[in-house]
Amino acid sequence: MPLPFLLFPYVVQKEIFKSMEYCEMFLMSLCSKRVKQCVIQARLKIAKVWYGVYPDIKFIAIQDWGIPVDMHIAFDDQPALSGMEPMEMKIGDDFKTRGIVKAKLTRLKQEYCLISVPKLDAKVTKSLHEHVKQLFRYTAPCGIEIHTNSLTEELPIYENVSKILVKGKSILDLNDLDTFLSQYYPNLTTLLICSPINGEATSKLLEIGNVHLSYPGQCGITLLSKFNGKKINLWGAVVTEKMLNEFIRKWMKSEGYQNLEFVNIELSLESDLLNRDLITDQLEIEAFDEMKRPGRYQSEFR
């Protein structure tokens, strides 16, 4: 027996929405303009949104209060729709398409909505962004997870982005990253790159406060030598003893790195064996005083 949802008072409708999963509310909003308006009027708050941008899939992940980030809505590219009857849907302001809707489980065993469309292009990406903005109220800056091959795609302007994660097995050209970052992201505080890197450290990369590089190779120490931010994390960096000693000397004598608070370097297998004693001998050591600094330093990087 169908539920006469639109005949219920607004207070009842809002309580129904509160009991739903985010993907269920999203699907409800595709039913009609009236139902979509009901979801919007419920003014449901969410903690943080992550926009996922990959060549063959675009997704929305929501970080709820005290719960890890998990995917809730995804669109993938299936030029030949088969297996189920496609449904007509209107996404965003005025974009219409046909798609097959399926329920899937994430790695955290959370049910999410997967919508297969004939063509996953810039129109779908922009409309998905518009639709989510209309439905939910953000209470924190957004994040973007983007594949290296998608940096040059035509993308919507994601407002108030504080974190960007770039990942992929292909080599990341830093010029492409610089072009991507130059478009919009004045509030960006953290950049995490989980892919091999090619190129020189760019101006935009040097302006970010917190930077994590997973496979920086020889580029990592070059970035470190010019870094103006607060925290930098280098995994798999190619470092020599001379480079490290020069960095420590400049940092200690305030000849550079005026904003730097935290450095973590995991050496690559290509790095020479370092004489740790020679490196640590140049450090000025003083007795720990808990009145000057805390006993533990909490890095933002997990």
C-alpha atoms as a PDB file:
ATOM      1  CA  MET A   1       0.000   0.000   0.000  1.00  0.00           C
ATOM      2  CA  PRO A   2       1.547   3.360  -1.020  1.00  0.00           C
ATOM      3  CA  LEU A   3       2.306   5.915   1.691  1.00  0.00           C
ATOM      4  CA  PRO A   4       0.430   9.239   1.116  1.00  0.00           C
ATOM      5  CA  PHE A   5       3.552  11.213   2.047  1.00  0.00           C
ATOM      6  CA  LEU A   6       2.492  14.566   0.595  1.00  0.00           C
ATOM      7  CA  LEU A   7      -0.769  14.479   2.548  1.00  0.00           C
ATOM      8  CA  PHE A   8       1.050  14.401   5.895  1.00  0.00           C
ATOM      9  CA  PRO A   9       1.592  17.644   7.851  1.00  0.00           C
ATOM     10  CA  TYR A  10       5.039  19.225   7.486  1.00  0.00           C
ATOM     11  CA  VAL A  11       6.029  18.235  11.069  1.00  0.00           C
ATOM     12  CA  VAL A  12       5.344  14.563  10.254  1.00  0.00           C
ATOM     13  CA  GLN A  13       7.227  14.804   6.947  1.00  0.00           C
ATOM     14  CA  LYS A  14      10.277  16.230   8.712  1.00  0.00           C
ATOM     15  CA  GLU A  15      10.330  13.382  11.249  1.00  0.00           C
ATOM     16  CA  ILE A  16      10.125  10.863   8.416  1.00  0.00           C
ATOM     17  CA  PHE A  17      13.122  12.474   6.714  1.00  0.00           C
ATOM     18  CA  LYS A  18      15.094  12.380   9.966  1.00  0.00           C
ATOM     19  CA  SER A  19      14.648   8.602  10.126  1.00  0.00           C
ATOM     20  CA  MET A  20      15.926   8.125   6.553  1.00  0.00           C
ATOM     21  CA  GLU A  21      19.424   7.484   5.243  1.00  0.00           C
ATOM     22  CA  TYR A  22      20.926  10.270   3.130  1.00  0.00           C
ATOM     23  CA  CYS A  23      20.710   8.163  -0.024  1.00  0.00           C
ATOM     24  CA  GLU A  24      17.001   7.543   0.642  1.00  0.00           C
ATOM     25  CA  MET A  25      16.329  11.272   0.948  1.00  0.00           C
ATOM     26  CA  PHE A  26      18.236  11.856  -2.285  1.00  0.00           C
ATOM     27  CA  LEU A  27      16.084   9.283  -4.104  1.00  0.00           C
ATOM     28  CA  MET A  28      12.916  10.785  -2.653  1.00  0.00           C
ATOM     29  CA  SER A  29      13.941  14.175  -4.027  1.00  0.00           C
ATOM     30  CA  LEU A  30      14.054  12.690  -7.550  1.00  0.00           C
ATOM     31  CA  CYS A  31      10.376  11.627  -7.396  1.00  0.00           C
ATOM     32  CA  SER A  32       8.849  15.042  -8.086  1.00  0.00           C
ATOM     33  CA  LYS A  33       9.329  18.773  -7.597  1.00  0.00           C
ATOM     34  CA  ARG A  34       6.971  18.758  -4.618  1.00  0.00           C
ATOM     35  CA  VAL A  35       8.831  15.989  -2.798  1.00  0.00           C
ATOM     36  CA  LYS A  36      12.164  17.630  -3.519  1.00  0.00           C
ATOM     37  CA  GLN A  37      10.841  20.868  -2.034  1.00  0.00           C
ATOM     38  CA  CYS A  38       9.745  18.934   1.077  1.00  0.00           C
ATOM     39  CA  VAL A  39      13.308  17.623   1.527  1.00  0.00           C
ATOM     40  CA  ILE A  40      14.711  21.139   1.107  1.00  0.00           C
ATOM     41  CA  GLN A  41      12.250  22.584   3.631  1.00  0.00           C
ATOM     42  CA  ALA A  42      13.297  19.973   6.199  1.00  0.00           C
ATOM     43  CA  ARG A  43      16.647  21.843   6.286  1.00  0.00           C
ATOM     44  CA  LEU A  44      18.617  18.817   7.409  1.00  0.00           C
ATOM     45  CA  LYS A  45      22.098  19.551   8.746  1.00  0.00           C
ATOM     46  CA  ILE A  46      25.145  17.457   7.905  1.00  0.00           C
ATOM     47  CA  ALA A  47      28.654  17.777   9.304  1.00  0.00           C
ATOM     48  CA  LYS A  48      30.808  17.657   6.167  1.00  0.00           C
ATOM     49  CA  VAL A  49      30.561  16.747   2.491  1.00  0.00           C
ATOM     50  CA  TRP A  50      33.280  15.180   0.330  1.00  0.00           C
ATOM     51  CA  TYR A  51      32.899  15.390  -3.448  1.00  0.00           C
ATOM     52  CA  GLY A  52      34.490  12.457  -5.271  1.00  0.00           C
ATOM     53  CA  VAL A  53      35.658  13.065  -8.842  1.00  0.00           C
ATOM     54  CA  TYR A  54      36.948  10.111 -10.872  1.00  0.00           C
ATOM     55  CA  PRO A  55      36.890   9.510 -14.651  1.00  0.00           C
ATOM     56  CA  ASP A  56      34.251   6.750 -14.433  1.00  0.00           C
ATOM     57  CA  ILE A  57      32.421   7.659 -11.208  1.00  0.00           C
ATOM     58  CA  LYS A  58      31.303  10.791  -9.338  1.00  0.00           C
ATOM     59  CA  PHE A  59      30.165  10.453  -5.740  1.00  0.00           C
ATOM     60  CA  ILE A  60      29.056  12.282  -2.626  1.00  0.00           C
ATOM     61  CA  ALA A  61      30.460  11.132   0.704  1.00  0.00           C
ATOM     62  CA  ILE A  62      29.118  12.525   3.957  1.00  0.00           C
ATOM     63  CA  GLN A  63      31.001  12.698   7.223  1.00  0.00           C
ATOM     64  CA  ASP A  64      28.326  12.610   9.867  1.00  0.00           C
ATOM     65  CA  TRP A  65      28.671  13.599  13.495  1.00  0.00           C
ATOM     66  CA  GLY A  66      31.397  11.374  14.962  1.00  0.00           C
ATOM     67  CA  ILE A  67      31.101   8.851  12.097  1.00  0.00           C
ATOM     68  CA  PRO A  68      33.872   8.221   9.496  1.00  0.00           C
ATOM     69  CA  VAL A  69      33.480   9.506   5.938  1.00  0.00           C
ATOM     70  CA  ASP A  70      31.399   7.116   3.830  1.00  0.00           C
ATOM     71  CA  MET A  71      29.892   7.230   0.345  1.00  0.00           C
ATOM     72  CA  HIS A  72      26.134   7.830   0.052  1.00  0.00           C
ATOM     73  CA  ILE A  73      25.359   8.791  -3.564  1.00  0.00           C
ATOM     74  CA  ALA A  74      27.307   7.791  -6.689  1.00  0.00           C
ATOM     75  CA  PHE A  75      26.913   8.159 -10.453  1.00  0.00           C
ATOM     76  CA  ASP A  76      28.785   5.890 -12.835  1.00  0.00           C
ATOM     77  CA  ASP A  77      29.146   5.744 -16.598  1.00  0.00           C
ATOM     78  CA  GLN A  78      27.200   2.956 -18.369  1.00  0.00           C
ATOM     79  CA  PRO A  79      26.641   3.921 -22.037  1.00  0.00           C
ATOM     80  CA  ALA A  80      24.492   0.829 -22.662  1.00  0.00           C
ATOM     81  CA  LEU A  81      21.979   0.709 -19.803  1.00  0.00           C
ATOM     82  CA  SER A  82      20.707  -2.835 -19.309  1.00  0.00           C
ATOM     83  CA  GLY A  83      19.338  -5.181 -16.683  1.00  0.00           C
ATOM     84  CA  MET A  84      16.659  -2.838 -15.331  1.00  0.00           C
ATOM     85  CA  GLU A  85      14.237  -0.295 -16.710  1.00  0.00           C
ATOM     86  CA  PRO A  86      15.855   3.189 -16.683  1.00  0.00           C
ATOM     87  CA  MET A  87      13.905   5.890 -14.886  1.00  0.00           C
ATOM     88  CA  GLU A  88      13.532   9.521 -15.889  1.00  0.00           C
ATOM     89  CA  MET A  89      15.067  11.887 -13.352  1.00  0.00           C
ATOM     90  CA  LYS A  90      15.682  15.584 -12.932  1.00  0.00           C
ATOM     91  CA  ILE A  91      18.885  16.523 -11.124  1.00  0.00           C
ATOM     92  CA  GLY A  92      19.934  19.972  -9.973  1.00  0.00           C
ATOM     93  CA  ASP A  93      18.094  22.944 -11.442  1.00  0.00           C
ATOM     94  CA  ASP A  94      17.030  21.755 -14.877  1.00  0.00           C
ATOM     95  CA  PHE A  95      19.150  18.784 -16.005  1.00  0.00           C
ATOM     96  CA  LYS A  96      17.192  15.697 -17.095  1.00  0.00           C
ATOM     97  CA  THR A  97      18.562  12.231 -17.778  1.00  0.00           C
ATOM     98  CA  ARG A  98      17.657   8.552 -17.649  1.00  0.00           C
ATOM     99  CA  GLY A  99      19.350   6.202 -15.250  1.00  0.00           C
ATOM    100  CA  ILE A 100      19.260   2.869 -13.438  1.00  0.00           C
ATOM    101  CA  VAL A 101      19.168   3.091  -9.649  1.00  0.00           C
ATOM    102  CA  LYS A 102      20.712   0.354  -7.518  1.00  0.00           C
ATOM    103  CA  ALA A 103      21.392  -0.053  -3.801  1.00  0.00           C
ATOM    104  CA  LYS A 104      24.963  -1.038  -2.922  1.00  0.00           C
ATOM    105  CA  LEU A 105      27.008  -1.516   0.254  1.00  0.00           C
ATOM    106  CA  THR A 106      30.136   0.485   1.053  1.00  0.00           C
ATOM    107  CA  ARG A 107      33.252  -0.881   2.776  1.00  0.00           C
ATOM    108  CA  LEU A 108      31.705   0.259   6.078  1.00  0.00           C
ATOM    109  CA  LYS A 109      28.559  -1.785   5.281  1.00  0.00           C
ATOM    110  CA  GLN A 110      26.584   1.408   4.699  1.00  0.00           C
ATOM    111  CA  GLU A 111      23.917   1.304   2.001  1.00  0.00           C
ATOM    112  CA  TYR A 112      24.423   3.835  -0.771  1.00  0.00           C
ATOM    113  CA  CYS A 113      22.644   4.760  -3.971  1.00  0.00           C
ATOM    114  CA  LEU A 114      24.407   3.998  -7.282  1.00  0.00           C
ATOM    115  CA  ILE A 115      22.880   5.621 -10.358  1.00  0.00           C
ATOM    116  CA  SER A 116      24.126   4.488 -13.774  1.00  0.00           C
ATOM    117  CA  VAL A 117      23.691   7.056 -16.547  1.00  0.00           C
ATOM    118  CA  PRO A 118      24.390   6.788 -20.311  1.00  0.00           C
ATOM    119  CA  LYS A 119      26.939   9.627 -20.250  1.00  0.00           C
ATOM    120  CA  LEU A 120      28.857  10.816 -17.204  1.00  0.00           C
ATOM    121  CA  ASP A 121      29.902  14.283 -18.336  1.00  0.00           C
ATOM    122  CA  ALA A 122      30.276  17.817 -16.951  1.00  0.00           C
ATOM    123  CA  LYS A 123      26.496  18.345 -16.962  1.00  0.00           C
ATOM    124  CA  VAL A 124      25.919  15.390 -14.627  1.00  0.00           C
ATOM    125  CA  THR A 125      28.753  16.466 -12.306  1.00  0.00           C
ATOM    126  CA  LYS A 126      27.482  20.042 -12.095  1.00  0.00           C
ATOM    127  CA  SER A 127      23.867  18.961 -11.572  1.00  0.00           C
ATOM    128  CA  LEU A 128      24.806  16.501  -8.813  1.00  0.00           C
ATOM    129  CA  HIS A 129      26.648  19.290  -7.008  1.00  0.00           C
ATOM    130  CA  GLU A 130      23.666  21.643  -7.350  1.00  0.00           C
ATOM    131  CA  HIS A 131      21.233  18.991  -6.142  1.00  0.00           C
ATOM    132  CA  VAL A 132      23.179  18.149  -2.980  1.00  0.00           C
ATOM    133  CA  LYS A 133      23.650  21.848  -2.160  1.00  0.00           C
ATOM    134  CA  GLN A 134      19.898  22.358  -2.396  1.00  0.00           C
ATOM    135  CA  LEU A 135      18.999  19.368  -0.205  1.00  0.00           C
ATOM    136  CA  PHE A 136      21.448  19.583   2.679  1.00  0.00           C
ATOM    137  CA  ARG A 137      22.876  22.316   4.892  1.00  0.00           C
ATOM    138  CA  TYR A 138      26.644  22.147   5.360  1.00  0.00           C
ATOM    139  CA  THR A 139      28.031  23.040   8.766  1.00  0.00           C
ATOM    140  CA  ALA A 140      31.722  22.665   7.879  1.00  0.00           C
ATOM    141  CA  PRO A 141      33.953  23.336   4.854  1.00  0.00           C
ATOM    142  CA  CYS A 142      33.814  20.732   2.074  1.00  0.00           C
ATOM    143  CA  GLY A 143      36.461  18.341   0.840  1.00  0.00           C
ATOM    144  CA  ILE A 144      37.296  17.045  -2.646  1.00  0.00           C
ATOM    145  CA  GLU A 145      38.715  13.616  -3.503  1.00  0.00           C
ATOM    146  CA  ILE A 146      39.899  13.706  -7.110  1.00  0.00           C
ATOM    147  CA  HIS A 147      41.724  11.327  -9.426  1.00  0.00           C
ATOM    148  CA  THR A 148      44.880  12.571 -11.145  1.00  0.00           C
ATOM    149  CA  ASN A 149      43.278  11.997 -14.568  1.00  0.00           C
ATOM    150  CA  SER A 150      40.258  14.153 -13.616  1.00  0.00           C
ATOM    151  CA  LEU A 151      42.181  17.329 -12.757  1.00  0.00           C
ATOM    152  CA  THR A 152      41.742  18.635 -16.298  1.00  0.00           C
ATOM    153  CA  GLU A 153      37.989  17.845 -16.485  1.00  0.00           C
ATOM    154  CA  GLU A 154      35.345  20.559 -16.642  1.00  0.00           C
ATOM    155  CA  LEU A 155      34.123  20.723 -13.036  1.00  0.00           C
ATOM    156  CA  PRO A 156      31.653  22.857 -11.091  1.00  0.00           C
ATOM    157  CA  ILE A 157      32.943  25.446  -8.635  1.00  0.00           C
ATOM    158  CA  TYR A 158      32.907  23.730  -5.247  1.00  0.00           C
ATOM    159  CA  GLU A 159      32.514  26.476  -2.649  1.00  0.00           C
ATOM    160  CA  ASN A 160      34.307  26.641   0.707  1.00  0.00           C
ATOM    161  CA  VAL A 161      36.724  23.747   0.168  1.00  0.00           C
ATOM    162  CA  SER A 162      39.267  23.242   2.970  1.00  0.00           C
ATOM    163  CA  LYS A 163      40.797  19.868   2.020  1.00  0.00           C
ATOM    164  CA  ILE A 164      41.714  18.224  -1.272  1.00  0.00           C
ATOM    165  CA  LEU A 165      42.889  14.635  -1.722  1.00  0.00           C
ATOM    166  CA  VAL A 166      44.518  13.795  -5.074  1.00  0.00           C
ATOM    167  CA  LYS A 167      45.078  10.097  -5.742  1.00  0.00           C
ATOM    168  CA  GLY A 168      45.850   7.720  -8.562  1.00  0.00           C
ATOM    169  CA  LYS A 169      48.516   5.395  -9.889  1.00  0.00           C
ATOM    170  CA  SER A 170      49.389   7.606 -12.847  1.00  0.00           C
ATOM    171  CA  ILE A 171      52.051  10.297 -12.453  1.00  0.00           C
ATOM    172  CA  LEU A 172      50.699  13.665 -11.347  1.00  0.00           C
ATOM    173  CA  ASP A 173      51.948  16.624 -13.376  1.00  0.00           C
ATOM    174  CA  LEU A 174      52.305  19.509 -10.924  1.00  0.00           C
ATOM    175  CA  ASN A 175      51.436  22.003 -13.673  1.00  0.00           C
ATOM    176  CA  ASP A 176      48.002  20.351 -14.007  1.00  0.00           C
ATOM    177  CA  LEU A 177      47.587  20.538 -10.231  1.00  0.00           C
ATOM    178  CA  ASP A 178      48.587  24.206 -10.218  1.00  0.00           C
ATOM    179  CA  THR A 179      46.020  24.993 -12.927  1.00  0.00           C
ATOM    180  CA  PHE A 180      43.334  23.129 -10.969  1.00  0.00           C
ATOM    181  CA  LEU A 181      44.139  24.949  -7.709  1.00  0.00           C
ATOM    182  CA  SER A 182      44.290  28.349  -9.441  1.00  0.00           C
ATOM    183  CA  GLN A 183      40.619  28.264 -10.457  1.00  0.00           C
ATOM    184  CA  TYR A 184      39.054  28.560  -7.003  1.00  0.00           C
ATOM    185  CA  TYR A 185      39.873  27.349  -3.473  1.00  0.00           C
ATOM    186  CA  PRO A 186      40.883  30.429  -1.457  1.00  0.00           C
ATOM    187  CA  ASN A 187      39.991  28.597   1.797  1.00  0.00           C
ATOM    188  CA  LEU A 188      42.144  25.532   1.105  1.00  0.00           C
ATOM    189  CA  THR A 189      44.169  24.549   4.192  1.00  0.00           C
ATOM    190  CA  THR A 190      45.171  20.921   3.530  1.00  0.00           C
ATOM    191  CA  LEU A 191      46.375  19.107   0.403  1.00  0.00           C
ATOM    192  CA  LEU A 192      47.062  15.366   0.365  1.00  0.00           C
ATOM    193  CA  ILE A 193      48.655  13.822  -2.743  1.00  0.00           C
ATOM    194  CA  CYS A 194      48.702  10.028  -2.963  1.00  0.00           C
ATOM    195  CA  SER A 195      50.275   9.537  -6.374  1.00  0.00           C
ATOM    196  CA  PRO A 196      53.747   9.764  -7.947  1.00  0.00           C
ATOM    197  CA  ILE A 197      54.777  13.338  -8.767  1.00  0.00           C
ATOM    198  CA  ASN A 198      56.500  14.935 -11.738  1.00  0.00           C
ATOM    199  CA  GLY A 199      57.587  18.560 -12.027  1.00  0.00           C
ATOM    200  CA  GLU A 200      58.819  21.434  -9.909  1.00  0.00           C
ATOM    201  CA  ALA A 201      57.011  22.702  -6.823  1.00  0.00           C
ATOM    202  CA  THR A 202      54.482  25.285  -8.016  1.00  0.00           C
ATOM    203  CA  SER A 203      53.404  28.574  -6.475  1.00  0.00           C
ATOM    204  CA  LYS A 204      49.959  27.295  -5.439  1.00  0.00           C
ATOM    205  CA  LEU A 205      51.446  24.207  -3.817  1.00  0.00           C
ATOM    206  CA  LEU A 206      53.812  26.358  -1.749  1.00  0.00           C
ATOM    207  CA  GLU A 207      50.972  28.543  -0.447  1.00  0.00           C
ATOM    208  CA  ILE A 208      49.050  25.726   1.295  1.00  0.00           C
ATOM    209  CA  GLY A 209      49.438  25.409   5.065  1.00  0.00           C
ATOM    210  CA  ASN A 210      49.347  21.605   5.413  1.00  0.00           C
ATOM    211  CA  VAL A 211      50.770  19.326   2.688  1.00  0.00           C
ATOM    212  CA  HIS A 212      51.090  15.536   2.593  1.00  0.00           C
ATOM    213  CA  LEU A 213      52.922  13.760  -0.255  1.00  0.00           C
ATOM    214  CA  SER A 214      52.904   9.960  -0.400  1.00  0.00           C
ATOM    215  CA  TYR A 215      55.329   9.392  -3.311  1.00  0.00           C
ATOM    216  CA  PRO A 216      57.268  12.649  -3.720  1.00  0.00           C
ATOM    217  CA  GLY A 217      60.572  11.107  -4.862  1.00  0.00           C
ATOM    218  CA  GLN A 218      63.197  13.775  -5.520  1.00  0.00           C
ATOM    219  CA  CYS A 219      60.507  16.471  -5.761  1.00  0.00           C
ATOM    220  CA  GLY A 220      59.770  16.178  -2.033  1.00  0.00           C
ATOM    221  CA  ILE A 221      62.972  17.719  -0.741  1.00  0.00           C
ATOM    222  CA  THR A 222      62.759  20.477  -3.385  1.00  0.00           C
ATOM    223  CA  LEU A 223      59.301  21.319  -2.096  1.00  0.00           C
ATOM    224  CA  LEU A 224      60.574  21.243   1.485  1.00  0.00           C
ATOM    225  CA  SER A 225      63.361  23.713   0.637  1.00  0.00           C
ATOM    226  CA  LYS A 226      60.769  26.288  -0.564  1.00  0.00           C
ATOM    227  CA  PHE A 227      57.856  25.422   1.732  1.00  0.00           C
ATOM    228  CA  ASN A 228      56.074  28.365   3.410  1.00  0.00           C
ATOM    229  CA  GLY A 229      53.334  26.449   5.252  1.00  0.00           C
ATOM    230  CA  LYS A 230      52.965  25.025   8.762  1.00  0.00           C
ATOM    231  CA  LYS A 231      53.006  21.234   8.344  1.00  0.00           C
ATOM    232  CA  ILE A 232      54.549  18.937   5.765  1.00  0.00           C
ATOM    233  CA  ASN A 233      54.524  15.162   5.592  1.00  0.00           C
ATOM    234  CA  LEU A 234      56.766  13.342   3.059  1.00  0.00           C
ATOM    235  CA  TRP A 235      56.472   9.584   2.593  1.00  0.00           C
ATOM    236  CA  GLY A 236      59.019   7.919   0.334  1.00  0.00           C
ATOM    237  CA  ALA A 237      61.151  11.049  -0.167  1.00  0.00           C
ATOM    238  CA  VAL A 238      64.621  10.843  -1.717  1.00  0.00           C
ATOM    239  CA  VAL A 239      66.841  12.721   0.760  1.00  0.00           C
ATOM    240  CA  THR A 240      70.594  13.087   1.191  1.00  0.00           C
ATOM    241  CA  GLU A 241      72.454  13.897   4.391  1.00  0.00           C
ATOM    242  CA  LYS A 242      73.615  17.205   2.948  1.00  0.00           C
ATOM    243  CA  MET A 243      70.050  18.255   2.045  1.00  0.00           C
ATOM    244  CA  LEU A 244      68.722  17.363   5.478  1.00  0.00           C
ATOM    245  CA  ASN A 245      71.535  19.114   7.330  1.00  0.00           C
ATOM    246  CA  GLU A 246      71.020  22.269   5.263  1.00  0.00           C
ATOM    247  CA  PHE A 247      67.283  22.224   5.970  1.00  0.00           C
ATOM    248  CA  ILE A 248      67.829  21.819   9.737  1.00  0.00           C
ATOM    249  CA  ARG A 249      70.450  24.578   9.799  1.00  0.00           C
ATOM    250  CA  LYS A 250      68.199  27.095   8.036  1.00  0.00           C
ATOM    251  CA  TRP A 251      65.203  26.219  10.211  1.00  0.00           C
ATOM    252  CA  MET A 252      67.173  26.576  13.467  1.00  0.00           C
ATOM    253  CA  LYS A 253      68.780  29.877  12.464  1.00  0.00           C
ATOM    254  CA  SER A 254      65.455  31.309  11.191  1.00  0.00           C
ATOM    255  CA  GLU A 255      66.898  31.778   7.699  1.00  0.00           C
ATOM    256  CA  GLY A 256      63.707  30.249   6.304  1.00  0.00           C
ATOM    257  CA  TYR A 257      60.580  28.289   7.215  1.00  0.00           C
ATOM    258  CA  GLN A 258      59.173  31.057   9.401  1.00  0.00           C
ATOM    259  CA  ASN A 259      55.740  29.375   9.600  1.00  0.00           C
ATOM    260  CA  LEU A 260      56.899  25.765   9.877  1.00  0.00           C
ATOM    261  CA  GLU A 261      55.696  23.796  12.932  1.00  0.00           C
ATOM    262  CA  PHE A 262      55.844  20.126  11.943  1.00  0.00           C
ATOM    263  CA  VAL A 263      57.919  17.974   9.571  1.00  0.00           C
ATOM    264  CA  ASN A 264      57.719  14.217   9.057  1.00  0.00           C
ATOM    265  CA  ILE A 265      59.970  12.496   6.492  1.00  0.00           C
ATOM    266  CA  GLU A 266      59.805   8.790   5.657  1.00  0.00           C
ATOM    267  CA  LEU A 267      62.853   7.961   3.544  1.00  0.00           C
ATOM    268  CA  SER A 268      62.603   6.263   0.167  1.00  0.00           C
ATOM    269  CA  LEU A 269      64.563   3.066  -0.481  1.00  0.00           C
ATOM    270  CA  GLU A 270      66.472   5.102  -3.073  1.00  0.00           C
ATOM    271  CA  SER A 271      67.866   7.393  -0.367  1.00  0.00           C
ATOM    272  CA  ASP A 272      71.413   6.914   0.878  1.00  0.00           C
ATOM    273  CA  LEU A 273      71.889   5.592   4.389  1.00  0.00           C
ATOM    274  CA  LEU A 274      72.076   8.602   6.676  1.00  0.00           C
ATOM    275  CA  ASN A 275      74.435   9.019   9.589  1.00  0.00           C
ATOM    276  CA  ARG A 276      71.870   9.856  12.229  1.00  0.00           C
ATOM    277  CA  ASP A 277      74.476  10.829  14.814  1.00  0.00           C
ATOM    278  CA  LEU A 278      75.917  13.537  12.554  1.00  0.00           C
ATOM    279  CA  ILE A 279      72.438  14.872  11.906  1.00  0.00           C
ATOM    280  CA  THR A 280      71.264  14.905  15.524  1.00  0.00           C
ATOM    281  CA  ASP A 281      74.588  16.335  16.821  1.00  0.00           C
ATOM    282  CA  GLN A 282      73.779  19.667  15.199  1.00  0.00           C
ATOM    283  CA  LEU A 283      70.453  19.962  17.024  1.00  0.00           C
ATOM    284  CA  GLU A 284      70.267  22.274  19.997  1.00  0.00           C
ATOM    285  CA  ILE A 285      68.764  20.290  22.870  1.00  0.00           C
ATOM    286  CA  GLU A 286      67.198  21.666  26.012  1.00  0.00           C
ATOM    287  CA  ALA A 287      65.369  20.084  28.918  1.00  0.00           C
ATOM    288  CA  PHE A 288      61.670  19.621  28.304  1.00  0.00           C
ATOM    289  CA  ASP A 289      59.475  22.173  30.015  1.00  0.00           C
ATOM    290  CA  GLU A 290      55.755  21.458  29.928  1.00  0.00           C
ATOM    291  CA  MET A 291      55.094  25.128  30.685  1.00  0.00           C
ATOM    292  CA  LYS A 292      56.538  26.034  27.251  1.00  0.00           C
ATOM    293  CA  ARG A 293      55.084  23.298  25.047  1.00  0.00           C
ATOM    294  CA  PRO A 294      52.770  20.281  25.316  1.00  0.00           C
ATOM    295  CA  GLY A 295      54.122  16.792  25.862  1.00  0.00           C
ATOM    296  CA  ARG A 296      52.544  15.491  22.650  1.00  0.00           C
ATOM    297  CA  TYR A 297      52.153  17.145  19.281  1.00  0.00           C
ATOM    298  CA  GLN A 298      48.984  16.161  17.458  1.00  0.00           C
ATOM    299  CA  SER A 299      49.474  16.143  13.700  1.00  0.00           C
ATOM    300  CA  GLU A 300      46.428  16.735  11.504  1.00  0.00           C
ATOM    301  CA  PHE A 301      47.577  13.970   9.148  1.00  0.00           C
ATOM    302  CA  ARG A 302      46.155  10.532   9.885  1.00  0.00           C
END
